[in-house]
C-alpha atoms as a PDB file:
ATOM      1  CA  MET A   1      -6.154   7.356   8.992  1.00  0.00           C
ATOM      2  CA  SER A   2      -3.009   5.240   8.620  1.00  0.00           C
ATOM      3  CA  VAL A   3      -3.000   1.727   7.140  1.00  0.00           C
ATOM      4  CA  TRP A   4      -2.361   0.297  10.585  1.00  0.00           C
ATOM      5  CA  GLU A   5      -5.233   2.202  12.210  1.00  0.00           C
ATOM      6  CA  ARG A   6      -7.604   1.109   9.453  1.00  0.00           C
ATOM      7  CA  GLU A   7      -6.646  -2.559   9.817  1.00  0.00           C
ATOM      8  CA  TYR A   8      -6.338  -2.861  13.608  1.00  0.00           C
ATOM      9  CA  GLY A   9      -7.865   0.169  15.278  1.00  0.00           C
ATOM     10  CA  ALA A  10      -8.730  -0.581  18.899  1.00  0.00           C
ATOM     11  CA  THR A  11      -8.306  -4.366  18.607  1.00  0.00           C
ATOM     12  CA  THR A  12      -6.107  -6.374  20.962  1.00  0.00           C
ATOM     13  CA  ARG A  13      -3.466  -6.714  18.267  1.00  0.00           C
ATOM     14  CA  GLY A  14      -3.647  -2.955  17.838  1.00  0.00           C
ATOM     15  CA  HIS A  15      -2.948  -2.511  21.554  1.00  0.00           C
ATOM     16  CA  ILE A  16       0.022  -4.895  21.319  1.00  0.00           C
ATOM     17  CA  VAL A  17       1.449  -2.902  18.426  1.00  0.00           C
ATOM     18  CA  THR A  18       0.938   0.353  20.356  1.00  0.00           C
ATOM     19  CA  LEU A  19       2.859  -1.037  23.332  1.00  0.00           C
ATOM     20  CA  LEU A  20       5.695  -2.326  21.145  1.00  0.00           C
ATOM     21  CA  ARG A  21       5.990   1.040  19.419  1.00  0.00           C
ATOM     22  CA  GLY A  22       6.893   2.346  22.875  1.00  0.00           C
ATOM     23  CA  GLY A  23       9.695  -0.197  23.288  1.00  0.00           C
ATOM     24  CA  GLU A  24      10.548  -3.884  23.219  1.00  0.00           C
ATOM     25  CA  ARG A  25       8.613  -6.224  25.493  1.00  0.00           C
ATOM     26  CA  SER A  26       8.376  -9.890  26.425  1.00  0.00           C
ATOM     27  CA  VAL A  27       5.207 -11.959  26.339  1.00  0.00           C
ATOM     28  CA  ASP A  28       4.899 -11.710  30.137  1.00  0.00           C
ATOM     29  CA  GLU A  29       5.198  -7.919  30.019  1.00  0.00           C
ATOM     30  CA  LEU A  30       2.590  -7.645  27.289  1.00  0.00           C
ATOM     31  CA  ALA A  31       0.258  -9.993  29.139  1.00  0.00           C
ATOM     32  CA  THR A  32       0.570  -7.967  32.348  1.00  0.00           C
ATOM     33  CA  GLU A  33      -0.065  -4.632  30.638  1.00  0.00           C
ATOM     34  CA  LEU A  34      -3.028  -5.952  28.645  1.00  0.00           C
ATOM     35  CA  GLY A  35      -4.570  -8.102  31.365  1.00  0.00           C
ATOM     36  CA  LEU A  36      -4.372 -11.222  29.175  1.00  0.00           C
ATOM     37  CA  THR A  37      -2.908 -14.680  29.577  1.00  0.00           C
ATOM     38  CA  ASP A  38       0.488 -15.494  28.100  1.00  0.00           C
ATOM     39  CA  ASN A  39      -1.125 -17.900  25.645  1.00  0.00           C
ATOM     40  CA  ALA A  40      -3.573 -15.250  24.431  1.00  0.00           C
ATOM     41  CA  VAL A  41      -0.707 -12.827  23.781  1.00  0.00           C
ATOM     42  CA  ARG A  42       1.276 -15.522  21.955  1.00  0.00           C
ATOM     43  CA  ALA A  43      -1.712 -16.239  19.696  1.00  0.00           C
ATOM     44  CA  HIS A  44      -1.883 -12.575  18.690  1.00  0.00           C
ATOM     45  CA  LEU A  45       1.893 -12.389  18.221  1.00  0.00           C
ATOM     46  CA  VAL A  46       1.793 -15.346  15.828  1.00  0.00           C
ATOM     47  CA  ILE A  47      -0.497 -13.325  13.547  1.00  0.00           C
ATOM     48  CA  LEU A  48       1.530 -10.118  13.909  1.00  0.00           C
ATOM     49  CA  LEU A  49       4.724 -12.034  13.125  1.00  0.00           C
ATOM     50  CA  ARG A  50       3.136 -13.609  10.053  1.00  0.00           C
ATOM     51  CA  GLU A  51       2.013 -10.178   8.844  1.00  0.00           C
ATOM     52  CA  GLN A  52       5.546  -8.855   9.498  1.00  0.00           C
ATOM     53  CA  LEU A  53       4.368  -6.120  11.834  1.00  0.00           C
ATOM     54  CA  VAL A  54       6.514  -7.354  14.739  1.00  0.00           C
ATOM     55  CA  GLU A  55       9.642  -9.450  15.065  1.00  0.00           C
ATOM     56  CA  ALA A  56      11.428 -11.415  17.778  1.00  0.00           C
ATOM     57  CA  ILE A  57      14.668  -9.560  18.460  1.00  0.00           C
ATOM     58  CA  GLY A  58      16.278 -11.778  21.082  1.00  0.00           C
ATOM     59  CA  VAL A  59      15.827 -13.306  24.517  1.00  0.00           C
ATOM     60  CA  ARG A  60      16.410 -12.234  28.079  1.00  0.00           C
ATOM     61  CA  ARG A  61      16.113 -13.967  31.437  1.00  0.00           C
ATOM     62  CA  GLU A  62      13.348 -12.526  33.626  1.00  0.00           C
ATOM     63  CA  GLY A  63      13.628 -12.782  37.388  1.00  0.00           C
ATOM     64  CA  GLY A  64      16.954 -14.584  37.232  1.00  0.00           C
ATOM     65  CA  VAL A  65      15.394 -18.061  36.996  1.00  0.00           C
ATOM     66  CA  GLY A  66      13.581 -20.164  34.464  1.00  0.00           C
ATOM     67  CA  LYS A  67      13.637 -20.249  30.702  1.00  0.00           C
ATOM     68  CA  PRO A  68      14.798 -17.082  28.876  1.00  0.00           C
ATOM     69  CA  ALA A  69      11.923 -15.070  27.471  1.00  0.00           C
ATOM     70  CA  SER A  70      11.649 -13.999  23.847  1.00  0.00           C
ATOM     71  CA  VAL A  71      11.562 -10.241  23.360  1.00  0.00           C
ATOM     72  CA  TYR A  72       9.491  -8.603  20.632  1.00  0.00           C
ATOM     73  CA  ALA A  73       9.666  -5.260  18.835  1.00  0.00           C
ATOM     74  CA  ILE A  74       8.137  -3.528  15.819  1.00  0.00           C
ATOM     75  CA  ALA A  75       9.565  -4.861  12.551  1.00  0.00           C
ATOM     76  CA  PRO A  76      11.579  -2.136  10.757  1.00  0.00           C
ATOM     77  CA  GLY A  77       9.635  -2.644   7.528  1.00  0.00           C
ATOM     78  CA  ALA A  78       6.339  -1.953   9.313  1.00  0.00           C
ATOM     79  CA  GLN A  79       7.167   1.642  10.254  1.00  0.00           C
ATOM     80  CA  PRO A  80       5.634   3.233   7.103  1.00  0.00           C
ATOM     81  CA  LEU A  81       2.273   1.657   7.976  1.00  0.00           C
ATOM     82  CA  PHE A  82       1.974   3.906  11.014  1.00  0.00           C
ATOM     83  CA  SER A  83       2.490   7.149   9.135  1.00  0.00           C
ATOM     84  CA  ARG A  84      -0.171   9.595   7.986  1.00  0.00           C
ATOM     85  CA  ALA A  85       2.452  11.880   6.451  1.00  0.00           C
ATOM     86  CA  TYR A  86       3.172  10.234   3.091  1.00  0.00           C
ATOM     87  CA  SER A  87      -0.031  11.208   1.303  1.00  0.00           C
ATOM     88  CA  PRO A  88      -0.094  14.919   2.271  1.00  0.00           C
ATOM     89  CA  LEU A  89       3.670  15.208   1.663  1.00  0.00           C
ATOM     90  CA  LEU A  90       3.318  13.711  -1.830  1.00  0.00           C
ATOM     91  CA  ALA A  91       0.351  15.966  -2.624  1.00  0.00           C
ATOM     92  CA  ALA A  92       2.232  19.057  -1.444  1.00  0.00           C
ATOM     93  CA  LEU A  93       5.355  18.083  -3.397  1.00  0.00           C
ATOM     94  CA  LEU A  94       3.390  17.548  -6.616  1.00  0.00           C
ATOM     95  CA  ALA A  95       1.482  20.794  -6.148  1.00  0.00           C
ATOM     96  CA  GLU A  96       4.764  22.668  -5.705  1.00  0.00           C
ATOM     97  CA  LEU A  97       6.319  21.009  -8.763  1.00  0.00           C
ATOM     98  CA  ARG A  98       3.255  21.927 -10.779  1.00  0.00           C
ATOM     99  CA  THR A  99       3.841  25.635 -10.088  1.00  0.00           C
ATOM    100  CA  HIS A 100       7.250  25.370 -11.776  1.00  0.00           C
ATOM    101  CA  LYS A 101       6.507  23.052 -14.698  1.00  0.00           C
ATOM    102  CA  THR A 102       4.064  23.047 -17.597  1.00  0.00           C
ATOM    103  CA  PRO A 103       1.331  20.374 -17.700  1.00  0.00           C
ATOM    104  CA  ASP A 104       3.177  18.570 -20.515  1.00  0.00           C
ATOM    105  CA  ALA A 105       6.393  18.574 -18.505  1.00  0.00           C
ATOM    106  CA  MET A 106       4.511  17.157 -15.490  1.00  0.00           C
ATOM    107  CA  LYS A 107       3.052  14.404 -17.669  1.00  0.00           C
ATOM    108  CA  ARG A 108       6.499  13.423 -18.910  1.00  0.00           C
ATOM    109  CA  LEU A 109       7.916  13.531 -15.385  1.00  0.00           C
ATOM    110  CA  LEU A 110       5.170  11.340 -13.967  1.00  0.00           C
ATOM    111  CA  GLN A 111       5.415   8.887 -16.850  1.00  0.00           C
ATOM    112  CA  ARG A 112       9.071   8.429 -15.874  1.00  0.00           C
ATOM    113  CA  VAL A 113       7.996   7.950 -12.257  1.00  0.00           C
ATOM    114  CA  GLY A 114       5.541   5.265 -13.371  1.00  0.00           C
ATOM    115  CA  HIS A 115       8.297   3.574 -15.340  1.00  0.00           C
ATOM    116  CA  ARG A 116      10.435   3.439 -12.183  1.00  0.00           C
ATOM    117  CA  MET A 117       7.551   1.972 -10.165  1.00  0.00           C
ATOM    118  CA  ALA A 118       6.596  -0.673 -12.713  1.00  0.00           C
ATOM    119  CA  PRO A 119       7.453  -4.310 -11.966  1.00  0.00           C
ATOM    120  CA  PRO A 120      10.402  -5.672 -13.952  1.00  0.00           C
ATOM    121  CA  GLU A 121       8.398  -8.245 -15.931  1.00  0.00           C
ATOM    122  CA  THR A 122       5.347  -7.975 -18.161  1.00  0.00           C
ATOM    123  CA  ALA A 123       2.395 -10.224 -17.349  1.00  0.00           C
ATOM    124  CA  THR A 124       1.888 -13.166 -19.712  1.00  0.00           C
ATOM    125  CA  GLY A 125      -1.150 -14.732 -21.320  1.00  0.00           C
ATOM    126  CA  SER A 126      -4.081 -13.256 -23.186  1.00  0.00           C
ATOM    127  CA  LEU A 127      -4.789  -9.531 -23.195  1.00  0.00           C
ATOM    128  CA  GLU A 128      -7.585 -10.057 -20.676  1.00  0.00           C
ATOM    129  CA  THR A 129      -5.247 -12.000 -18.365  1.00  0.00           C
ATOM    130  CA  ARG A 130      -2.664  -9.213 -18.565  1.00  0.00           C
ATOM    131  CA  VAL A 131      -5.270  -6.513 -17.942  1.00  0.00           C
ATOM    132  CA  ARG A 132      -6.495  -8.405 -14.887  1.00  0.00           C
ATOM    133  CA  ALA A 133      -2.895  -8.576 -13.667  1.00  0.00           C
ATOM    134  CA  GLY A 134      -2.778  -4.787 -13.949  1.00  0.00           C
ATOM    135  CA  SER A 135      -6.031  -4.475 -12.024  1.00  0.00           C
ATOM    136  CA  ASN A 136      -4.687  -6.785  -9.313  1.00  0.00           C
ATOM    137  CA  LEU A 137      -1.543  -4.667  -9.013  1.00  0.00           C
ATOM    138  CA  LEU A 138      -3.609  -1.521  -8.462  1.00  0.00           C
ATOM    139  CA  ASN A 139      -5.576  -3.374  -5.782  1.00  0.00           C
ATOM    140  CA  GLU A 140      -2.334  -4.409  -4.080  1.00  0.00           C
ATOM    141  CA  LEU A 141      -1.360  -0.727  -4.033  1.00  0.00           C
ATOM    142  CA  GLY A 142      -4.564   0.132  -2.191  1.00  0.00           C
ATOM    143  CA  GLY A 143      -7.044   0.552  -5.031  1.00  0.00           C
ATOM    144  CA  SER A 144     -10.381  -1.140  -5.593  1.00  0.00           C
ATOM    145  CA  THR A 145     -10.691  -1.956  -9.279  1.00  0.00           C
ATOM    146  CA  ASP A 146     -12.350  -4.416 -11.608  1.00  0.00           C
ATOM    147  CA  VAL A 147     -12.091  -5.263 -15.302  1.00  0.00           C
ATOM    148  CA  ALA A 148     -14.853  -5.004 -17.878  1.00  0.00           C
ATOM    149  CA  ARG A 149     -15.073  -5.382 -21.625  1.00  0.00           C
ATOM    150  CA  GLU A 150     -15.374  -2.173 -23.605  1.00  0.00           C
ATOM    151  CA  GLY A 151     -15.850  -2.511 -27.355  1.00  0.00           C
ATOM    152  CA  ASP A 152     -13.098  -4.783 -28.610  1.00  0.00           C
ATOM    153  CA  GLY A 153     -10.875  -4.079 -25.602  1.00  0.00           C
ATOM    154  CA  PHE A 154     -11.030  -3.794 -21.839  1.00  0.00           C
ATOM    155  CA  VAL A 155     -11.274  -1.142 -19.180  1.00  0.00           C
ATOM    156  CA  ILE A 156      -9.932  -1.115 -15.627  1.00  0.00           C
ATOM    157  CA  ARG A 157     -12.526   0.679 -13.517  1.00  0.00           C
ATOM    158  CA  GLY A 158     -11.719   2.014 -10.086  1.00  0.00           C
ATOM    159  CA  HIS A 159     -13.997   2.648  -7.163  1.00  0.00           C
ATOM    160  CA  GLY A 160     -11.988   5.485  -5.701  1.00  0.00           C
ATOM    161  CA  CYS A 161      -8.252   6.002  -6.257  1.00  0.00           C
ATOM    162  CA  PRO A 162      -5.205   4.827  -4.258  1.00  0.00           C
ATOM    163  CA  LEU A 163      -3.515   8.176  -5.038  1.00  0.00           C
ATOM    164  CA  SER A 164      -6.556  10.396  -4.606  1.00  0.00           C
ATOM    165  CA  ASP A 165      -4.837  13.168  -2.613  1.00  0.00           C
ATOM    166  CA  ALA A 166      -2.012  13.346  -5.155  1.00  0.00           C
ATOM    167  CA  VAL A 167      -4.444  13.344  -8.096  1.00  0.00           C
ATOM    168  CA  VAL A 168      -6.427  16.228  -6.596  1.00  0.00           C
ATOM    169  CA  ALA A 169      -3.195  18.221  -6.191  1.00  0.00           C
ATOM    170  CA  CYS A 170      -1.821  17.174  -9.575  1.00  0.00           C
ATOM    171  CA  PRO A 171      -4.116  15.467 -12.116  1.00  0.00           C
ATOM    172  CA  GLU A 172      -1.085  14.422 -14.157  1.00  0.00           C
ATOM    173  CA  THR A 173      -0.400  11.827 -11.429  1.00  0.00           C
ATOM    174  CA  CYS A 174      -2.700   9.485 -13.369  1.00  0.00           C
ATOM    175  CA  ARG A 175      -0.010   9.340 -16.064  1.00  0.00           C
ATOM    176  CA  ALA A 176       2.283   7.509 -13.647  1.00  0.00           C
ATOM    177  CA  VAL A 177      -0.368   4.830 -13.132  1.00  0.00           C
ATOM    178  CA  GLU A 178      -0.965   4.700 -16.884  1.00  0.00           C
ATOM    179  CA  GLN A 179       2.732   3.960 -17.379  1.00  0.00           C
ATOM    180  CA  ILE A 180       2.713   1.255 -14.691  1.00  0.00           C
ATOM    181  CA  LEU A 181      -0.242  -0.476 -16.349  1.00  0.00           C
ATOM    182  CA  THR A 182       1.370  -0.178 -19.781  1.00  0.00           C
ATOM    183  CA  ALA A 183       4.463  -1.920 -18.424  1.00  0.00           C
ATOM    184  CA  VAL A 184       2.435  -4.666 -16.701  1.00  0.00           C
ATOM    185  CA  THR A 185       0.086  -5.428 -19.589  1.00  0.00           C
ATOM    186  CA  GLY A 186       2.536  -4.922 -22.431  1.00  0.00           C
ATOM    187  CA  ALA A 187      -0.309  -3.072 -24.176  1.00  0.00           C
ATOM    188  CA  ARG A 188      -1.216   0.516 -24.916  1.00  0.00           C
ATOM    189  CA  VAL A 189      -3.079   1.859 -21.868  1.00  0.00           C
ATOM    190  CA  VAL A 190      -4.945   5.163 -22.003  1.00  0.00           C
ATOM    191  CA  GLU A 191      -6.096   6.873 -18.831  1.00  0.00           C
ATOM    192  CA  SER A 192      -9.495   8.560 -18.800  1.00  0.00           C
ATOM    193  CA  CYS A 193      -9.914   8.881 -15.050  1.00  0.00           C
ATOM    194  CA  ASP A 194     -12.912  10.625 -13.540  1.00  0.00           C
ATOM    195  CA  ARG A 195     -11.589  13.671 -11.693  1.00  0.00           C
ATOM    196  CA  ASN A 196     -14.909  15.469 -11.292  1.00  0.00           C
ATOM    197  CA  GLY A 197     -15.190  15.165  -7.551  1.00  0.00           C
ATOM    198  CA  PRO A 198     -13.336  12.398  -5.676  1.00  0.00           C
ATOM    199  CA  PRO A 199     -11.071  10.709  -8.267  1.00  0.00           C
ATOM    200  CA  ASN A 200     -11.990   7.329  -9.733  1.00  0.00           C
ATOM    201  CA  CYS A 201      -9.548   5.305 -11.815  1.00  0.00           C
ATOM    202  CA  HIS A 202     -10.498   4.516 -15.418  1.00  0.00           C
ATOM    203  CA  PHE A 203      -7.928   3.015 -17.795  1.00  0.00           C
ATOM    204  CA  ARG A 204      -8.782   1.813 -21.296  1.00  0.00           C
ATOM    205  CA  VAL A 205      -6.834  -1.012 -22.916  1.00  0.00           C
ATOM    206  CA  PRO A 206      -7.849  -1.394 -26.576  1.00  0.00           C
ATOM    207  CA  THR A 207      -7.128  -4.604 -28.460  1.00  0.00           C
ATOM    208  CA  PRO A 208      -4.041  -4.117 -30.624  1.00  0.00           C
ATOM    209  CA  GLY A 209      -4.978  -3.797 -34.248  1.00  0.00           C
END
């Protein structure tokens, strides 16, 4: 299921997006096709515009009279949300790479990938604050994680994994996430993810000493 299907499914906004994926439309055209009032369509478009799923691309005069009508289309940046291809493509690519490289070489490769993906700045504040920033970043990437104390350090625990298909195909994928968290927290992060069954994230961050 794509991100868009999970968020909108068969909702009215989902139907508007489906129509706009087929081509640009005005409010009147959307209202006619959906059996809604113009105001109802505009209310949904306000939300879709705010979430950057659609954009106003211009105006045109309908029927030769009256005020020009705004025309809407799918926002270019929203296109990846409709795809189901990224996850299986990534898993297949990693599985193929793994047939040509040793596990250590895959770890080094994916650490470099994590370095590329890491935000440019390290989080500031206490170690706990920085670890929570790392947890929040994983959640923004589609994970579901929380932070707990473990000994004299912390652990980021995941309920599932945002890269589960890739991890199943190539367990070394967790090293990329380890590198991202190391960059965010400015601390030594050690992955100990649960890969017995559906993957679950687990990253330890010991207190420097």
